[in-house]
């Protein structure tokens, strides 16, 4: 026997251990199912046993090797979790073929290949925003420097925001950055398109944007999310244009010159909303203007100064 010791960054080491442990658990689950099958076969009765013995004698006569079945091999596996992890690691190191580009995934298909490593990193919000280099925490194990934490967060498939008490540190509430599948479907049905006034880019080809930035306290719910095409998403974050979301998904945009433009969701209204709440009451319309006619098409309301938005 020999020992192989590898010195790695703490994040990678814990990720490798996590993946190997869950793969070992998957192997043990298959092994237990094989034992159940083998046990059921052994209790099937003497007639089945005699038939199996007769078949084995026949196979020996015609030269067929009497090898155990895969289920029998699995059922006889007595390895511990540590031993399975060691075998899996050796198998991956000796049989996988890494690509020349380390940035491209090279994992194979299959039940074990679908398992991905999971590590939990807690990052202070100011560090995440690049306004501080306070260290992050690797699940209470070791600190991680700010630049590394930001890189990990940038590649993460999802983030959970945790609000803690400023004195005791107790967790008060949590919120996830990525919307759920149901919420995405609702937003596509509500928005249909990019929600910048006049834009017709389909929602399915647009980004889901937090109207109030997630990092600044914006929530991940229908009242703070809307579709924006990539160009208008960039415009929102990189120019003086500002937007706030009113009731029922209505967006109010403010141009750099201070003019406001209201964009109504093309989809059906939320339950409990009225036509007045979606189109504006008589008091909010210019003097002499009649009530808007419901055409079923997207509605964009401009301020009385008449300046058109930049399409």
Protein backbone atom coordinates (compact mmCIF):
# COMPACT_ATOMS: atom_id res chain seq x y z
CA UNK A 1 0.00 0.00 0.00
CA UNK A 2 1.08 3.58 -0.58
CA UNK A 3 -0.20 7.05 0.13
CA UNK A 4 -0.77 9.76 -2.46
CA UNK A 5 -0.87 13.23 -0.91
CA UNK A 6 -1.92 16.22 -3.02
CA UNK A 7 -1.73 19.83 -1.86
CA UNK A 8 -4.60 21.79 -3.38
CA UNK A 9 -6.54 24.99 -2.70
CA UNK A 10 -9.03 24.30 0.10
CA UNK A 11 -12.03 24.82 -2.20
CA UNK A 12 -10.84 22.19 -4.68
CA UNK A 13 -9.91 19.71 -1.97
CA UNK A 14 -13.33 19.92 -0.30
CA UNK A 15 -15.08 19.73 -3.68
CA UNK A 16 -13.18 16.55 -4.59
CA UNK A 17 -13.99 14.96 -1.23
CA UNK A 18 -17.68 15.91 -1.58
CA UNK A 19 -17.96 14.39 -5.05
CA UNK A 20 -16.15 11.19 -4.11
CA UNK A 21 -18.33 10.77 -1.02
CA UNK A 22 -21.58 11.13 -2.96
CA UNK A 23 -20.35 8.82 -5.70
CA UNK A 24 -19.44 6.23 -3.05
CA UNK A 25 -22.95 6.56 -1.61
CA UNK A 26 -24.41 5.94 -5.07
CA UNK A 27 -22.29 2.78 -5.41
CA UNK A 28 -23.45 1.53 -1.99
CA UNK A 29 -27.10 2.18 -2.93
CA UNK A 30 -26.73 0.04 -6.07
CA UNK A 31 -25.00 -2.63 -4.00
CA UNK A 32 -27.88 -2.76 -1.51
CA UNK A 33 -30.43 -3.10 -4.31
CA UNK A 34 -28.38 -5.98 -5.79
CA UNK A 35 -28.44 -7.72 -2.41
CA UNK A 36 -32.22 -7.35 -2.25
CA UNK A 37 -32.53 -8.92 -5.70
CA UNK A 38 -30.13 -11.72 -4.78
CA UNK A 39 -32.03 -12.37 -1.54
CA UNK A 40 -35.36 -12.57 -3.37
CA UNK A 41 -33.88 -15.06 -5.85
CA UNK A 42 -32.45 -17.24 -3.06
CA UNK A 43 -35.83 -17.54 -1.38
CA UNK A 44 -37.72 -18.44 -4.53
CA UNK A 45 -37.91 -22.16 -3.65
CA UNK A 46 -36.14 -25.47 -4.23
CA UNK A 47 -37.50 -25.86 -7.75
CA UNK A 48 -35.74 -22.70 -8.93
CA UNK A 49 -32.53 -23.79 -7.18
CA UNK A 50 -32.58 -27.18 -8.90
CA UNK A 51 -33.19 -25.53 -12.27
CA UNK A 52 -30.18 -23.25 -11.75
CA UNK A 53 -27.96 -26.21 -10.83
CA UNK A 54 -29.06 -28.12 -13.90
CA UNK A 55 -28.34 -25.09 -16.10
CA UNK A 56 -24.87 -24.73 -14.57
CA UNK A 57 -24.08 -28.42 -15.29
CA UNK A 58 -25.19 -27.96 -18.88
CA UNK A 59 -23.03 -24.87 -19.33
CA UNK A 60 -19.96 -26.68 -18.01
CA UNK A 61 -20.56 -29.52 -20.48
CA UNK A 62 -20.66 -27.17 -23.49
CA UNK A 63 -17.68 -25.11 -22.31
CA UNK A 64 -19.45 -22.00 -21.01
CA UNK A 65 -17.52 -20.32 -18.17
CA UNK A 66 -19.36 -20.38 -14.86
CA UNK A 67 -18.82 -16.69 -14.03
CA UNK A 68 -20.90 -14.83 -11.43
CA UNK A 69 -23.48 -12.39 -12.73
CA UNK A 70 -23.00 -8.59 -12.25
CA UNK A 71 -25.69 -8.63 -9.57
CA UNK A 72 -23.85 -11.36 -7.68
CA UNK A 73 -20.60 -9.39 -7.89
CA UNK A 74 -22.29 -6.27 -6.52
CA UNK A 75 -24.00 -8.20 -3.75
CA UNK A 76 -20.66 -9.62 -2.60
CA UNK A 77 -18.96 -6.19 -2.46
CA UNK A 78 -17.89 -5.54 1.14
CA UNK A 79 -15.86 -2.34 0.64
CA UNK A 80 -16.23 0.52 3.09
CA UNK A 81 -17.00 4.10 2.05
CA UNK A 82 -13.32 5.06 2.36
CA UNK A 83 -12.27 2.12 0.21
CA UNK A 84 -14.86 2.95 -2.45
CA UNK A 85 -13.72 6.59 -2.49
CA UNK A 86 -10.10 5.51 -2.94
CA UNK A 87 -11.06 3.15 -5.79
CA UNK A 88 -13.15 5.84 -7.50
CA UNK A 89 -10.33 8.37 -7.27
CA UNK A 90 -7.82 5.90 -8.69
CA UNK A 91 -10.24 4.93 -11.44
CA UNK A 92 -10.81 8.54 -12.49
CA UNK A 93 -7.11 9.39 -12.42
CA UNK A 94 -6.14 6.32 -14.45
CA UNK A 95 -8.98 6.15 -16.96
CA UNK A 96 -10.12 9.72 -17.68
CA UNK A 97 -8.65 11.80 -20.48
CA UNK A 98 -8.46 15.50 -19.54
CA UNK A 99 -8.73 18.00 -22.38
CA UNK A 100 -5.93 20.32 -23.38
CA UNK A 101 -8.09 23.32 -22.45
CA UNK A 102 -8.67 23.28 -18.66
CA UNK A 103 -11.68 25.59 -19.05
CA UNK A 104 -13.71 23.03 -21.03
CA UNK A 105 -15.72 20.37 -19.17
CA UNK A 106 -14.50 16.84 -19.81
CA UNK A 107 -16.74 14.81 -17.52
CA UNK A 108 -18.20 11.65 -18.96
CA UNK A 109 -21.84 10.68 -19.06
CA UNK A 110 -23.50 8.24 -16.72
CA UNK A 111 -25.00 8.10 -13.26
CA UNK A 112 -21.77 8.96 -11.44
CA UNK A 113 -20.60 11.39 -14.10
CA UNK A 114 -23.74 13.45 -13.53
CA UNK A 115 -22.77 14.08 -9.90
CA UNK A 116 -21.20 17.48 -9.36
CA UNK A 117 -19.19 18.70 -6.40
CA UNK A 118 -20.93 21.10 -4.03
CA UNK A 119 -19.19 23.46 -1.64
CA UNK A 120 -20.76 26.28 0.37
CA UNK A 121 -18.97 29.61 0.49
CA UNK A 122 -20.29 32.55 2.51
CA UNK A 123 -19.21 35.90 1.04
CA UNK A 124 -19.84 39.33 2.65
CA UNK A 125 -21.94 41.44 0.31
CA UNK A 126 -19.34 44.26 0.18
CA UNK A 127 -16.68 41.74 -0.83
CA UNK A 128 -19.02 40.41 -3.53
CA UNK A 129 -19.50 43.96 -4.84
CA UNK A 130 -15.74 44.57 -4.89
CA UNK A 131 -15.97 47.34 -2.26
CA UNK A 132 -14.12 45.34 0.38
CA UNK A 133 -11.63 42.49 0.64
CA UNK A 134 -13.05 40.97 3.81
CA UNK A 135 -12.43 37.21 3.57
CA UNK A 136 -15.16 34.75 2.69
CA UNK A 137 -15.74 31.54 4.63
CA UNK A 138 -15.60 27.99 3.27
CA UNK A 139 -18.38 26.38 5.33
CA UNK A 140 -16.66 27.16 8.62
CA UNK A 141 -13.46 25.42 7.51
CA UNK A 142 -11.09 28.12 6.31
CA UNK A 143 -11.15 31.71 5.02
CA UNK A 144 -11.00 32.56 1.30
CA UNK A 145 -9.54 35.82 0.00
CA UNK A 146 -11.86 38.34 -1.63
CA UNK A 147 -10.74 37.98 -5.30
CA UNK A 148 -11.06 34.19 -5.14
CA UNK A 149 -14.50 34.47 -3.52
CA UNK A 150 -15.72 36.83 -6.25
CA UNK A 151 -14.45 34.46 -8.94
CA UNK A 152 -16.25 31.52 -7.31
CA UNK A 153 -19.46 33.55 -7.02
CA UNK A 154 -19.25 34.60 -10.66
CA UNK A 155 -19.16 30.96 -11.79
CA UNK A 156 -21.78 29.70 -9.34
CA UNK A 157 -25.11 28.53 -10.84
CA UNK A 158 -27.01 30.26 -8.03
CA UNK A 159 -26.60 32.44 -4.97
CA UNK A 160 -28.53 32.43 -1.70
CA UNK A 161 -28.64 35.81 0.01
CA UNK A 162 -28.59 35.54 3.81
CA UNK A 163 -29.57 38.53 5.93
CA UNK A 164 -28.03 38.37 9.40
CA UNK A 165 -28.49 40.38 12.57
CA UNK A 166 -25.80 43.11 12.71
CA UNK A 167 -24.96 42.34 16.35
CA UNK A 168 -25.72 38.69 17.05
CA UNK A 169 -25.05 37.37 13.54
CA UNK A 170 -28.24 35.28 13.66
CA UNK A 171 -29.80 34.49 10.27
CA UNK A 172 -32.96 36.57 9.79
CA UNK A 173 -34.01 35.68 6.23
CA UNK A 174 -32.72 34.13 3.02
CA UNK A 175 -33.39 34.80 -0.64
CA UNK A 176 -32.12 33.15 -3.83
CA UNK A 177 -30.76 35.14 -6.77
CA UNK A 178 -31.96 32.80 -9.51
CA UNK A 179 -35.76 32.69 -10.04
CA UNK A 180 -37.48 29.31 -9.91
CA UNK A 181 -38.71 27.55 -13.05
CA UNK A 182 -42.33 28.40 -12.17
CA UNK A 183 -41.44 32.06 -11.68
CA UNK A 184 -39.64 32.16 -15.05
CA UNK A 185 -42.72 30.75 -16.78
CA UNK A 186 -44.93 33.33 -15.06
CA UNK A 187 -42.64 36.18 -16.14
CA UNK A 188 -42.57 34.99 -19.76
CA UNK A 189 -46.37 34.83 -19.76
CA UNK A 190 -46.63 38.29 -18.24
CA UNK A 191 -43.93 40.16 -20.17
CA UNK A 192 -43.87 38.49 -23.64
CA UNK A 193 -41.05 40.86 -24.66
CA UNK A 194 -38.31 43.18 -23.43
CA UNK A 195 -39.93 45.67 -21.07
CA UNK A 196 -38.14 48.78 -22.33
CA UNK A 197 -40.72 51.07 -23.99
CA UNK A 198 -41.00 50.28 -27.69
CA UNK A 199 -38.70 47.23 -27.70
CA UNK A 200 -40.14 44.06 -29.26
CA UNK A 201 -37.37 41.57 -28.46
CA UNK A 202 -39.15 38.35 -27.32
CA UNK A 203 -38.88 37.50 -23.63
CA UNK A 204 -37.42 34.10 -24.44
CA UNK A 205 -34.40 35.89 -25.97
CA UNK A 206 -34.11 38.43 -23.14
CA UNK A 207 -32.52 38.48 -19.69
CA UNK A 208 -34.50 38.41 -16.44
CA UNK A 209 -33.44 41.55 -14.60
CA UNK A 210 -33.85 42.54 -10.95
CA UNK A 211 -35.50 45.97 -11.18
CA UNK A 212 -33.91 46.85 -7.84
CA UNK A 213 -30.45 45.29 -7.81
CA UNK A 214 -30.26 42.04 -5.88
CA UNK A 215 -27.00 43.17 -4.26
CA UNK A 216 -28.74 46.31 -3.00
CA UNK A 217 -31.65 44.49 -1.39
CA UNK A 218 -33.89 43.71 -4.36
CA UNK A 219 -35.94 40.54 -3.97
CA UNK A 220 -36.28 37.63 -6.38
CA UNK A 221 -40.03 37.76 -6.98
CA UNK A 222 -42.50 38.82 -9.66
CA UNK A 223 -42.72 42.33 -8.19
CA UNK A 224 -39.00 42.95 -8.76
CA UNK A 225 -38.26 41.01 -11.96
CA UNK A 226 -38.81 41.87 -15.61
CA UNK A 227 -37.40 40.85 -18.98
CA UNK A 228 -34.88 43.13 -20.67
CA UNK A 229 -33.03 42.43 -23.89
CA UNK A 230 -29.26 42.46 -23.59
CA UNK A 231 -28.96 45.98 -25.03
CA UNK A 232 -31.52 47.54 -22.70
CA UNK A 233 -30.22 45.47 -19.77
CA UNK A 234 -26.85 47.11 -20.35
CA UNK A 235 -28.50 50.51 -20.76
CA UNK A 236 -30.21 50.14 -17.37
CA UNK A 237 -26.98 49.40 -15.53
CA UNK A 238 -24.46 51.48 -17.50
CA UNK A 239 -26.32 54.74 -18.20
CA UNK A 240 -28.33 57.31 -16.20
CA UNK A 241 -31.62 55.67 -17.24
CA UNK A 242 -33.57 54.54 -14.18
CA UNK A 243 -36.55 52.20 -13.71
CA UNK A 244 -38.86 51.24 -10.88
CA UNK A 245 -41.58 48.60 -10.86
CA UNK A 246 -45.09 49.55 -9.83
CA UNK A 247 -48.00 47.24 -9.02
CA UNK A 248 -48.85 44.35 -11.38
CA UNK A 249 -45.52 44.47 -13.19
CA UNK A 250 -45.87 48.04 -14.51
CA UNK A 251 -42.45 49.61 -15.18
CA UNK A 252 -41.83 53.34 -14.91
CA UNK A 253 -38.70 54.43 -16.78
CA UNK A 254 -36.99 57.78 -16.22
CA UNK A 255 -34.70 59.16 -18.91
CA UNK A 256 -31.46 61.07 -18.18
CA UNK A 257 -33.43 64.26 -18.97
CA UNK A 258 -36.02 63.43 -16.29
CA UNK A 259 -38.87 62.37 -18.58
CA UNK A 260 -40.90 59.33 -17.49
CA UNK A 261 -42.34 56.52 -19.63
CA UNK A 262 -44.68 53.84 -18.28
CA UNK A 263 -44.64 50.37 -19.80
CA UNK A 264 -47.54 48.01 -19.04
CA UNK A 265 -47.13 44.22 -19.17
CA UNK A 266 -48.65 42.78 -22.36
CA UNK A 267 -49.77 39.58 -20.59
CA UNK A 268 -52.86 39.08 -18.44
CA UNK A 269 -53.09 41.08 -15.23
CA UNK A 270 -52.36 39.54 -11.86
CA UNK A 271 -55.42 38.29 -9.93
CA UNK A 272 -57.11 41.07 -8.00
CA UNK A 273 -55.92 43.92 -10.25
CA UNK A 274 -58.35 46.23 -12.05
CA UNK A 275 -58.22 47.95 -15.39
CA UNK A 276 -57.71 51.26 -13.59
CA UNK A 277 -54.69 49.91 -11.73
CA UNK A 278 -53.11 48.80 -15.03
CA UNK A 279 -53.95 51.77 -17.27
CA UNK A 280 -54.07 54.61 -14.76
CA UNK A 281 -57.03 56.33 -13.16
CA UNK A 282 -58.72 59.36 -14.67
CA UNK A 283 -56.88 61.59 -12.22
CA UNK A 284 -53.51 60.36 -13.47
CA UNK A 285 -54.27 61.01 -17.17
CA UNK A 286 -53.74 64.36 -18.91
CA UNK A 287 -56.76 66.72 -18.78
CA UNK A 288 -59.32 65.95 -21.47
CA UNK A 289 -57.91 62.50 -22.23
CA UNK A 290 -60.41 59.68 -22.52
CA UNK A 291 -60.02 56.30 -20.85
CA UNK A 292 -57.59 54.12 -22.85
CA UNK A 293 -59.19 51.52 -25.11
CA UNK A 294 -58.21 47.92 -24.33
CA UNK A 295 -56.72 46.59 -27.59
CA UNK A 296 -54.90 43.63 -26.09
CA UNK A 297 -51.61 45.05 -27.35
CA UNK A 298 -48.65 46.34 -25.31
CA UNK A 299 -49.32 49.72 -23.75
CA UNK A 300 -46.72 52.46 -23.39
CA UNK A 301 -47.73 55.70 -21.67
CA UNK A 302 -45.68 58.87 -22.19
CA UNK A 303 -45.49 62.07 -20.18
CA UNK A 304 -47.36 65.17 -21.42
CA UNK A 305 -44.18 66.82 -22.71
CA UNK A 306 -44.42 64.55 -25.77
CA UNK A 307 -40.69 63.73 -26.01
CA UNK A 308 -40.33 60.23 -27.52
CA UNK A 309 -38.10 57.66 -25.84
CA UNK A 310 -34.90 56.63 -27.64
CA UNK A 311 -35.92 53.49 -29.56
